[in-house]
PDB file of all heavy atoms in Angstrom:
ATOM      1  N   CYS A   1       9.138  -1.892  -2.719  1.00  0.00           N
ATOM      2  CA  CYS A   1       8.398  -2.578  -1.665  1.00  0.00           C
ATOM      3  C   CYS A   1       7.584  -1.552  -0.877  1.00  0.00           C
ATOM      4  O   CYS A   1       8.130  -0.592  -0.323  1.00  0.00           O
ATOM      5  CB  CYS A   1       9.359  -3.317  -0.730  1.00  0.00           C
ATOM      6  SG  CYS A   1       8.526  -4.167   0.627  1.00  0.00           S
ATOM      7  N   LEU A   2       6.255  -1.750  -0.836  1.00  0.00           N
ATOM      8  CA  LEU A   2       5.375  -0.828  -0.129  1.00  0.00           C
ATOM      9  C   LEU A   2       4.903  -1.379   1.216  1.00  0.00           C
ATOM     10  O   LEU A   2       4.580  -0.609   2.119  1.00  0.00           O
ATOM     11  CB  LEU A   2       4.154  -0.499  -0.995  1.00  0.00           C
ATOM     12  CG  LEU A   2       4.450   0.186  -2.329  1.00  0.00           C
ATOM     13  CD1 LEU A   2       3.162   0.466  -3.084  1.00  0.00           C
ATOM     14  CD2 LEU A   2       5.222   1.487  -2.116  1.00  0.00           C
ATOM     15  N   ILE A   3       4.842  -2.709   1.339  1.00  0.00           N
ATOM     16  CA  ILE A   3       4.466  -3.340   2.607  1.00  0.00           C
ATOM     17  C   ILE A   3       5.438  -4.465   2.900  1.00  0.00           C
ATOM     18  O   ILE A   3       5.735  -5.283   2.028  1.00  0.00           O
ATOM     19  CB  ILE A   3       3.029  -3.906   2.557  1.00  0.00           C
ATOM     20  CG1 ILE A   3       2.014  -2.773   2.435  1.00  0.00           C
ATOM     21  CG2 ILE A   3       2.723  -4.726   3.809  1.00  0.00           C
ATOM     22  CD1 ILE A   3       0.580  -3.255   2.330  1.00  0.00           C
ATOM     23  N   GLN A   4       5.954  -4.506   4.111  1.00  0.00           N
ATOM     24  CA  GLN A   4       6.853  -5.570   4.546  1.00  0.00           C
ATOM     25  C   GLN A   4       6.358  -6.098   5.889  1.00  0.00           C
ATOM     26  O   GLN A   4       6.208  -5.331   6.847  1.00  0.00           O
ATOM     27  CB  GLN A   4       8.282  -5.034   4.694  1.00  0.00           C
ATOM     28  CG  GLN A   4       9.300  -6.071   5.134  1.00  0.00           C
ATOM     29  CD  GLN A   4       9.643  -7.065   4.040  1.00  0.00           C
ATOM     30  OE1 GLN A   4       9.959  -6.679   2.926  1.00  0.00           O
ATOM     31  NE2 GLN A   4       9.563  -8.343   4.363  1.00  0.00           N
ATOM     32  N   ASP A   5       6.061  -7.385   5.950  1.00  0.00           N
ATOM     33  CA  ASP A   5       5.579  -8.020   7.183  1.00  0.00           C
ATOM     34  C   ASP A   5       4.349  -7.318   7.751  1.00  0.00           C
ATOM     35  O   ASP A   5       4.247  -7.070   8.960  1.00  0.00           O
ATOM     36  CB  ASP A   5       6.695  -8.054   8.233  1.00  0.00           C
ATOM     37  CG  ASP A   5       7.877  -8.901   7.783  1.00  0.00           C
ATOM     38  OD1 ASP A   5       7.648  -9.908   7.080  1.00  0.00           O
ATOM     39  OD2 ASP A   5       9.021  -8.550   8.116  1.00  0.00           O
ATOM     40  N   GLY A   6       3.420  -6.947   6.868  1.00  0.00           N
ATOM     41  CA  GLY A   6       2.150  -6.370   7.308  1.00  0.00           C
ATOM     42  C   GLY A   6       2.202  -4.917   7.719  1.00  0.00           C
ATOM     43  O   GLY A   6       1.212  -4.377   8.228  1.00  0.00           O
ATOM     44  N   VAL A   7       3.338  -4.237   7.502  1.00  0.00           N
ATOM     45  CA  VAL A   7       3.505  -2.841   7.894  1.00  0.00           C
ATOM     46  C   VAL A   7       3.987  -2.039   6.691  1.00  0.00           C
ATOM     47  O   VAL A   7       4.810  -2.525   5.903  1.00  0.00           O
ATOM     48  CB  VAL A   7       4.522  -2.706   9.061  1.00  0.00           C
ATOM     49  CG1 VAL A   7       4.708  -1.243   9.447  1.00  0.00           C
ATOM     50  CG2 VAL A   7       4.060  -3.525  10.252  1.00  0.00           C
ATOM     51  N   PHE A   8       3.482  -0.814   6.551  1.00  0.00           N
ATOM     52  CA  PHE A   8       3.919   0.037   5.457  1.00  0.00           C
ATOM     53  C   PHE A   8       5.411   0.340   5.540  1.00  0.00           C
ATOM     54  O   PHE A   8       5.935   0.638   6.625  1.00  0.00           O
ATOM     55  CB  PHE A   8       3.171   1.377   5.472  1.00  0.00           C
ATOM     56  CG  PHE A   8       1.802   1.321   4.871  1.00  0.00           C
ATOM     57  CD1 PHE A   8       0.680   1.492   5.659  1.00  0.00           C
ATOM     58  CD2 PHE A   8       1.633   1.096   3.512  1.00  0.00           C
ATOM     59  CE1 PHE A   8      -0.578   1.446   5.113  1.00  0.00           C
ATOM     60  CE2 PHE A   8       0.373   1.049   2.954  1.00  0.00           C
ATOM     61  CZ  PHE A   8      -0.747   1.223   3.750  1.00  0.00           C
ATOM     62  N   SER A   9       6.082   0.267   4.390  1.00  0.00           N
ATOM     63  CA  SER A   9       7.450   0.785   4.283  1.00  0.00           C
ATOM     64  C   SER A   9       7.307   2.285   4.017  1.00  0.00           C
ATOM     65  O   SER A   9       7.199   2.720   2.864  1.00  0.00           O
ATOM     66  CB  SER A   9       8.197   0.088   3.142  1.00  0.00           C
ATOM     67  OG  SER A   9       8.304  -1.292   3.377  1.00  0.00           O
ATOM     68  N   ILE A  10       7.266   3.061   5.074  1.00  0.00           N
ATOM     69  CA  ILE A  10       6.829   4.458   5.001  1.00  0.00           C
ATOM     70  C   ILE A  10       7.661   5.276   4.022  1.00  0.00           C
ATOM     71  O   ILE A  10       7.124   6.023   3.197  1.00  0.00           O
ATOM     72  CB  ILE A  10       6.863   5.110   6.399  1.00  0.00           C
ATOM     73  CG1 ILE A  10       5.935   4.350   7.344  1.00  0.00           C
ATOM     74  CG2 ILE A  10       6.443   6.569   6.308  1.00  0.00           C
ATOM     75  CD1 ILE A  10       6.011   4.838   8.783  1.00  0.00           C
ATOM     76  N   ASP A  11       8.978   5.160   4.091  1.00  0.00           N
ATOM     77  CA  ASP A  11       9.839   5.964   3.224  1.00  0.00           C
ATOM     78  C   ASP A  11       9.579   5.665   1.752  1.00  0.00           C
ATOM     79  O   ASP A  11       9.537   6.580   0.920  1.00  0.00           O
ATOM     80  CB  ASP A  11      11.309   5.721   3.561  1.00  0.00           C
ATOM     81  CG  ASP A  11      11.697   6.267   4.926  1.00  0.00           C
ATOM     82  OD1 ASP A  11      10.982   7.160   5.419  1.00  0.00           O
ATOM     83  OD2 ASP A  11      12.696   5.797   5.490  1.00  0.00           O
ATOM     84  N   ASN A  12       9.397   4.397   1.414  1.00  0.00           N
ATOM     85  CA  ASN A  12       9.118   4.026   0.025  1.00  0.00           C
ATOM     86  C   ASN A  12       7.747   4.512  -0.420  1.00  0.00           C
ATOM     87  O   ASN A  12       7.570   4.975  -1.554  1.00  0.00           O
ATOM     88  CB  ASN A  12       9.206   2.507  -0.145  1.00  0.00           C
ATOM     89  CG  ASN A  12      10.623   1.989  -0.050  1.00  0.00           C
ATOM     90  OD1 ASN A  12      11.581   2.748  -0.197  1.00  0.00           O
ATOM     91  ND2 ASN A  12      10.775   0.706   0.186  1.00  0.00           N
ATOM     92  N   PHE A  13       6.764   4.396   0.474  1.00  0.00           N
ATOM     93  CA  PHE A  13       5.402   4.794   0.133  1.00  0.00           C
ATOM     94  C   PHE A  13       5.327   6.296  -0.139  1.00  0.00           C
ATOM     95  O   PHE A  13       4.594   6.746  -1.025  1.00  0.00           O
ATOM     96  CB  PHE A  13       4.439   4.409   1.255  1.00  0.00           C
ATOM     97  CG  PHE A  13       2.998   4.386   0.831  1.00  0.00           C
ATOM     98  CD1 PHE A  13       2.450   3.251   0.250  1.00  0.00           C
ATOM     99  CD2 PHE A  13       2.194   5.491   1.000  1.00  0.00           C
ATOM    100  CE1 PHE A  13       1.124   3.218  -0.143  1.00  0.00           C
ATOM    101  CE2 PHE A  13       0.867   5.468   0.619  1.00  0.00           C
ATOM    102  CZ  PHE A  13       0.328   4.338   0.042  1.00  0.00           C
ATOM    103  N   LYS A  14       6.087   7.081   0.612  1.00  0.00           N
ATOM    104  CA  LYS A  14       6.085   8.535   0.425  1.00  0.00           C
ATOM    105  C   LYS A  14       6.637   8.932  -0.940  1.00  0.00           C
ATOM    106  O   LYS A  14       6.262   9.964  -1.502  1.00  0.00           O
ATOM    107  CB  LYS A  14       6.904   9.209   1.525  1.00  0.00           C
ATOM    108  CG  LYS A  14       6.232   9.223   2.891  1.00  0.00           C
ATOM    109  CD  LYS A  14       7.125   9.896   3.917  1.00  0.00           C
ATOM    110  CE  LYS A  14       6.453   9.941   5.285  1.00  0.00           C
ATOM    111  NZ  LYS A  14       7.334  10.585   6.309  1.00  0.00           N
ATOM    112  N   LYS A  15       7.542   8.115  -1.482  1.00  0.00           N
ATOM    113  CA  LYS A  15       8.166   8.435  -2.765  1.00  0.00           C
ATOM    114  C   LYS A  15       7.194   8.275  -3.929  1.00  0.00           C
ATOM    115  O   LYS A  15       7.386   8.879  -4.993  1.00  0.00           O
ATOM    116  CB  LYS A  15       9.383   7.544  -3.004  1.00  0.00           C
ATOM    117  CG  LYS A  15      10.520   7.753  -2.012  1.00  0.00           C
ATOM    118  CD  LYS A  15      11.638   6.752  -2.270  1.00  0.00           C
ATOM    119  CE  LYS A  15      12.745   6.859  -1.241  1.00  0.00           C
ATOM    120  NZ  LYS A  15      13.804   5.828  -1.456  1.00  0.00           N
ATOM    121  N   GLU A  16       6.182   7.440  -3.745  1.00  0.00           N
ATOM    122  CA  GLU A  16       5.255   7.130  -4.830  1.00  0.00           C
ATOM    123  C   GLU A  16       4.049   8.056  -4.775  1.00  0.00           C
ATOM    124  O   GLU A  16       3.558   8.410  -3.711  1.00  0.00           O
ATOM    125  CB  GLU A  16       4.784   5.669  -4.744  1.00  0.00           C
ATOM    126  CG  GLU A  16       5.916   4.676  -4.833  1.00  0.00           C
ATOM    127  CD  GLU A  16       6.726   4.846  -6.099  1.00  0.00           C
ATOM    128  OE1 GLU A  16       6.169   4.690  -7.191  1.00  0.00           O
ATOM    129  OE2 GLU A  16       7.927   5.142  -5.985  1.00  0.00           O
ATOM    130  N   ASN A  17       3.573   8.435  -5.968  1.00  0.00           N
ATOM    131  CA  ASN A  17       2.385   9.280  -6.058  1.00  0.00           C
ATOM    132  C   ASN A  17       1.141   8.391  -5.975  1.00  0.00           C
ATOM    133  O   ASN A  17       0.420   8.188  -6.940  1.00  0.00           O
ATOM    134  CB  ASN A  17       2.404  10.055  -7.378  1.00  0.00           C
ATOM    135  CG  ASN A  17       1.281  11.070  -7.469  1.00  0.00           C
ATOM    136  OD1 ASN A  17       0.725  11.493  -6.456  1.00  0.00           O
ATOM    137  ND2 ASN A  17       0.924  11.454  -8.673  1.00  0.00           N
ATOM    138  N   LEU A  18       0.912   7.865  -4.759  1.00  0.00           N
ATOM    139  CA  LEU A  18      -0.136   6.870  -4.570  1.00  0.00           C
ATOM    140  C   LEU A  18      -0.842   7.136  -3.255  1.00  0.00           C
ATOM    141  O   LEU A  18      -0.223   7.111  -2.193  1.00  0.00           O
ATOM    142  CB  LEU A  18       0.477   5.463  -4.562  1.00  0.00           C
ATOM    143  CG  LEU A  18      -0.462   4.262  -4.509  1.00  0.00           C
ATOM    144  CD1 LEU A  18      -1.298   4.188  -5.782  1.00  0.00           C
ATOM    145  CD2 LEU A  18       0.325   2.977  -4.333  1.00  0.00           C
ATOM    146  N   GLY A  19      -2.139   7.435  -3.317  1.00  0.00           N
ATOM    147  CA  GLY A  19      -2.913   7.679  -2.122  1.00  0.00           C
ATOM    148  C   GLY A  19      -3.248   6.377  -1.413  1.00  0.00           C
ATOM    149  O   GLY A  19      -3.336   5.322  -2.040  1.00  0.00           O
ATOM    150  N   SER A  20      -3.461   6.460  -0.091  1.00  0.00           N
ATOM    151  CA  SER A  20      -3.751   5.244   0.673  1.00  0.00           C
ATOM    152  C   SER A  20      -5.075   4.624   0.245  1.00  0.00           C
ATOM    153  O   SER A  20      -5.190   3.391   0.164  1.00  0.00           O
ATOM    154  CB  SER A  20      -3.763   5.554   2.167  1.00  0.00           C
ATOM    155  OG  SER A  20      -4.729   6.558   2.472  1.00  0.00           O
ATOM    156  N   ASP A  21      -6.095   5.440  -0.035  1.00  0.00           N
ATOM    157  CA  ASP A  21      -7.391   4.895  -0.463  1.00  0.00           C
ATOM    158  C   ASP A  21      -7.255   4.138  -1.777  1.00  0.00           C
ATOM    159  O   ASP A  21      -7.836   3.051  -1.948  1.00  0.00           O
ATOM    160  CB  ASP A  21      -8.418   6.024  -0.624  1.00  0.00           C
ATOM    161  CG  ASP A  21      -8.857   6.599   0.710  1.00  0.00           C
ATOM    162  OD1 ASP A  21      -8.656   5.927   1.734  1.00  0.00           O
ATOM    163  OD2 ASP A  21      -9.405   7.723   0.726  1.00  0.00           O
ATOM    164  N   GLU A  22      -6.495   4.706  -2.706  1.00  0.00           N
ATOM    165  CA  GLU A  22      -6.264   4.047  -3.996  1.00  0.00           C
ATOM    166  C   GLU A  22      -5.511   2.730  -3.797  1.00  0.00           C
ATOM    167  O   GLU A  22      -5.846   1.707  -4.408  1.00  0.00           O
ATOM    168  CB  GLU A  22      -5.471   4.980  -4.914  1.00  0.00           C
ATOM    169  CG  GLU A  22      -5.129   4.384  -6.260  1.00  0.00           C
ATOM    170  CD  GLU A  22      -4.207   5.277  -7.077  1.00  0.00           C
ATOM    171  OE1 GLU A  22      -3.831   6.364  -6.584  1.00  0.00           O
ATOM    172  OE2 GLU A  22      -3.856   4.890  -8.201  1.00  0.00           O
ATOM    173  N   PHE A  23      -4.521   2.754  -2.922  1.00  0.00           N
ATOM    174  CA  PHE A  23      -3.724   1.561  -2.665  1.00  0.00           C
ATOM    175  C   PHE A  23      -4.566   0.480  -1.990  1.00  0.00           C
ATOM    176  O   PHE A  23      -4.507  -0.698  -2.351  1.00  0.00           O
ATOM    177  CB  PHE A  23      -2.526   1.934  -1.795  1.00  0.00           C
ATOM    178  CG  PHE A  23      -1.590   0.794  -1.509  1.00  0.00           C
ATOM    179  CD1 PHE A  23      -1.014   0.072  -2.548  1.00  0.00           C
ATOM    180  CD2 PHE A  23      -1.279   0.439  -0.211  1.00  0.00           C
ATOM    181  CE1 PHE A  23      -0.149  -0.984  -2.293  1.00  0.00           C
ATOM    182  CE2 PHE A  23      -0.414  -0.601   0.060  1.00  0.00           C
ATOM    183  CZ  PHE A  23       0.145  -1.313  -0.990  1.00  0.00           C
ATOM    184  N   PHE A  24      -5.370   0.876  -0.998  1.00  0.00           N
ATOM    185  CA  PHE A  24      -6.250  -0.085  -0.327  1.00  0.00           C
ATOM    186  C   PHE A  24      -7.231  -0.705  -1.313  1.00  0.00           C
ATOM    187  O   PHE A  24      -7.560  -1.892  -1.217  1.00  0.00           O
ATOM    188  CB  PHE A  24      -7.002   0.593   0.815  1.00  0.00           C
ATOM    189  CG  PHE A  24      -6.143   0.937   2.005  1.00  0.00           C
ATOM    190  CD1 PHE A  24      -6.565   1.878   2.935  1.00  0.00           C
ATOM    191  CD2 PHE A  24      -4.905   0.338   2.187  1.00  0.00           C
ATOM    192  CE1 PHE A  24      -5.777   2.196   4.031  1.00  0.00           C
ATOM    193  CE2 PHE A  24      -4.105   0.652   3.274  1.00  0.00           C
ATOM    194  CZ  PHE A  24      -4.547   1.586   4.205  1.00  0.00           C
ATOM    195  N   SER A  25      -7.719   0.093  -2.243  1.00  0.00           N
ATOM    196  CA  SER A  25      -8.630  -0.432  -3.261  1.00  0.00           C
ATOM    197  C   SER A  25      -7.947  -1.507  -4.099  1.00  0.00           C
ATOM    198  O   SER A  25      -8.544  -2.558  -4.392  1.00  0.00           O
ATOM    199  CB  SER A  25      -9.117   0.712  -4.159  1.00  0.00           C
ATOM    200  OG  SER A  25      -9.914   0.224  -5.221  1.00  0.00           O
ATOM    201  N   GLU A  26      -6.682  -1.268  -4.473  1.00  0.00           N
ATOM    202  CA  GLU A  26      -5.927  -2.260  -5.236  1.00  0.00           C
ATOM    203  C   GLU A  26      -5.782  -3.559  -4.438  1.00  0.00           C
ATOM    204  O   GLU A  26      -5.910  -4.663  -4.985  1.00  0.00           O
ATOM    205  CB  GLU A  26      -4.536  -1.707  -5.572  1.00  0.00           C
ATOM    206  CG  GLU A  26      -4.521  -0.574  -6.575  1.00  0.00           C
ATOM    207  CD  GLU A  26      -4.608  -1.073  -7.995  1.00  0.00           C
ATOM    208  OE1 GLU A  26      -4.506  -2.297  -8.214  1.00  0.00           O
ATOM    209  OE2 GLU A  26      -4.794  -0.233  -8.895  1.00  0.00           O
ATOM    210  N   LEU A  27      -5.537  -3.437  -3.144  1.00  0.00           N
ATOM    211  CA  LEU A  27      -5.373  -4.629  -2.300  1.00  0.00           C
ATOM    212  C   LEU A  27      -6.693  -5.382  -2.150  1.00  0.00           C
ATOM    213  O   LEU A  27      -6.728  -6.616  -2.199  1.00  0.00           O
ATOM    214  CB  LEU A  27      -4.838  -4.229  -0.927  1.00  0.00           C
ATOM    215  CG  LEU A  27      -3.421  -3.636  -0.886  1.00  0.00           C
ATOM    216  CD1 LEU A  27      -3.036  -3.283   0.544  1.00  0.00           C
ATOM    217  CD2 LEU A  27      -2.396  -4.599  -1.483  1.00  0.00           C
ATOM    218  N   ARG A  28      -7.779  -4.639  -1.970  1.00  0.00           N
ATOM    219  CA  ARG A  28      -9.079  -5.298  -1.816  1.00  0.00           C
ATOM    220  C   ARG A  28      -9.457  -6.093  -3.059  1.00  0.00           C
ATOM    221  O   ARG A  28     -10.091  -7.157  -2.968  1.00  0.00           O
ATOM    222  CB  ARG A  28     -10.167  -4.267  -1.492  1.00  0.00           C
ATOM    223  CG  ARG A  28     -10.066  -3.673  -0.088  1.00  0.00           C
ATOM    224  CD  ARG A  28     -11.337  -2.949   0.301  1.00  0.00           C
ATOM    225  NE  ARG A  28     -11.583  -1.776  -0.525  1.00  0.00           N
ATOM    226  CZ  ARG A  28     -11.174  -0.551  -0.235  1.00  0.00           C
ATOM    227  NH1 ARG A  28     -10.486  -0.319   0.873  1.00  0.00           N
ATOM    228  NH2 ARG A  28     -11.453   0.466  -1.039  1.00  0.00           N
ATOM    229  N   LEU A  29      -9.060  -5.584  -4.223  1.00  0.00           N
ATOM    230  CA  LEU A  29      -9.335  -6.305  -5.467  1.00  0.00           C
ATOM    231  C   LEU A  29      -8.616  -7.655  -5.507  1.00  0.00           C
ATOM    232  O   LEU A  29      -8.999  -8.543  -6.274  1.00  0.00           O
ATOM    233  CB  LEU A  29      -8.925  -5.456  -6.676  1.00  0.00           C
ATOM    234  CG  LEU A  29      -9.814  -4.243  -6.973  1.00  0.00           C
ATOM    235  CD1 LEU A  29      -9.196  -3.379  -8.064  1.00  0.00           C
ATOM    236  CD2 LEU A  29     -11.215  -4.690  -7.382  1.00  0.00           C
ATOM    237  N   GLN A  30      -7.581  -7.793  -4.695  1.00  0.00           N
ATOM    238  CA  GLN A  30      -6.854  -9.069  -4.614  1.00  0.00           C
ATOM    239  C   GLN A  30      -7.270  -9.885  -3.394  1.00  0.00           C
ATOM    240  O   GLN A  30      -6.594 -10.829  -3.002  1.00  0.00           O
ATOM    241  CB  GLN A  30      -5.350  -8.808  -4.600  1.00  0.00           C
ATOM    242  CG  GLN A  30      -4.859  -8.076  -5.855  1.00  0.00           C
ATOM    243  CD  GLN A  30      -3.360  -8.170  -6.021  1.00  0.00           C
ATOM    244  OE1 GLN A  30      -2.759  -9.226  -5.858  1.00  0.00           O
ATOM    245  NE2 GLN A  30      -2.722  -7.060  -6.364  1.00  0.00           N
ATOM    246  N   GLY A  31      -8.405  -9.509  -2.788  1.00  0.00           N
ATOM    247  CA  GLY A  31      -8.961 -10.297  -1.689  1.00  0.00           C
ATOM    248  C   GLY A  31      -8.379  -9.987  -0.328  1.00  0.00           C
ATOM    249  O   GLY A  31      -8.551 -10.770   0.611  1.00  0.00           O
ATOM    250  N   VAL A  32      -7.699  -8.851  -0.172  1.00  0.00           N
ATOM    251  CA  VAL A  32      -7.082  -8.495   1.107  1.00  0.00           C
ATOM    252  C   VAL A  32      -8.076  -7.701   1.946  1.00  0.00           C
ATOM    253  O   VAL A  32      -8.685  -6.746   1.465  1.00  0.00           O
ATOM    254  CB  VAL A  32      -5.812  -7.647   0.885  1.00  0.00           C
ATOM    255  CG1 VAL A  32      -5.212  -7.218   2.219  1.00  0.00           C
ATOM    256  CG2 VAL A  32      -4.792  -8.428   0.068  1.00  0.00           C
ATOM    257  N   SER A  33      -8.235  -8.076   3.206  1.00  0.00           N
ATOM    258  CA  SER A  33      -9.104  -7.324   4.108  1.00  0.00           C
ATOM    259  C   SER A  33      -8.324  -6.624   5.221  1.00  0.00           C
ATOM    260  O   SER A  33      -8.822  -5.689   5.830  1.00  0.00           O
ATOM    261  CB  SER A  33     -10.171  -8.239   4.717  1.00  0.00           C
ATOM    262  OG  SER A  33      -9.564  -9.251   5.520  1.00  0.00           O
TER     263      SER A  33
END
């Protein structure tokens, strides 16, 4: 779980080799603003 109730799950996000820009791009592709 990377986001819970609209807030980053910080500890989980740090474990993944995933940049915020890359992650935001994935969300935007699903219509998230």
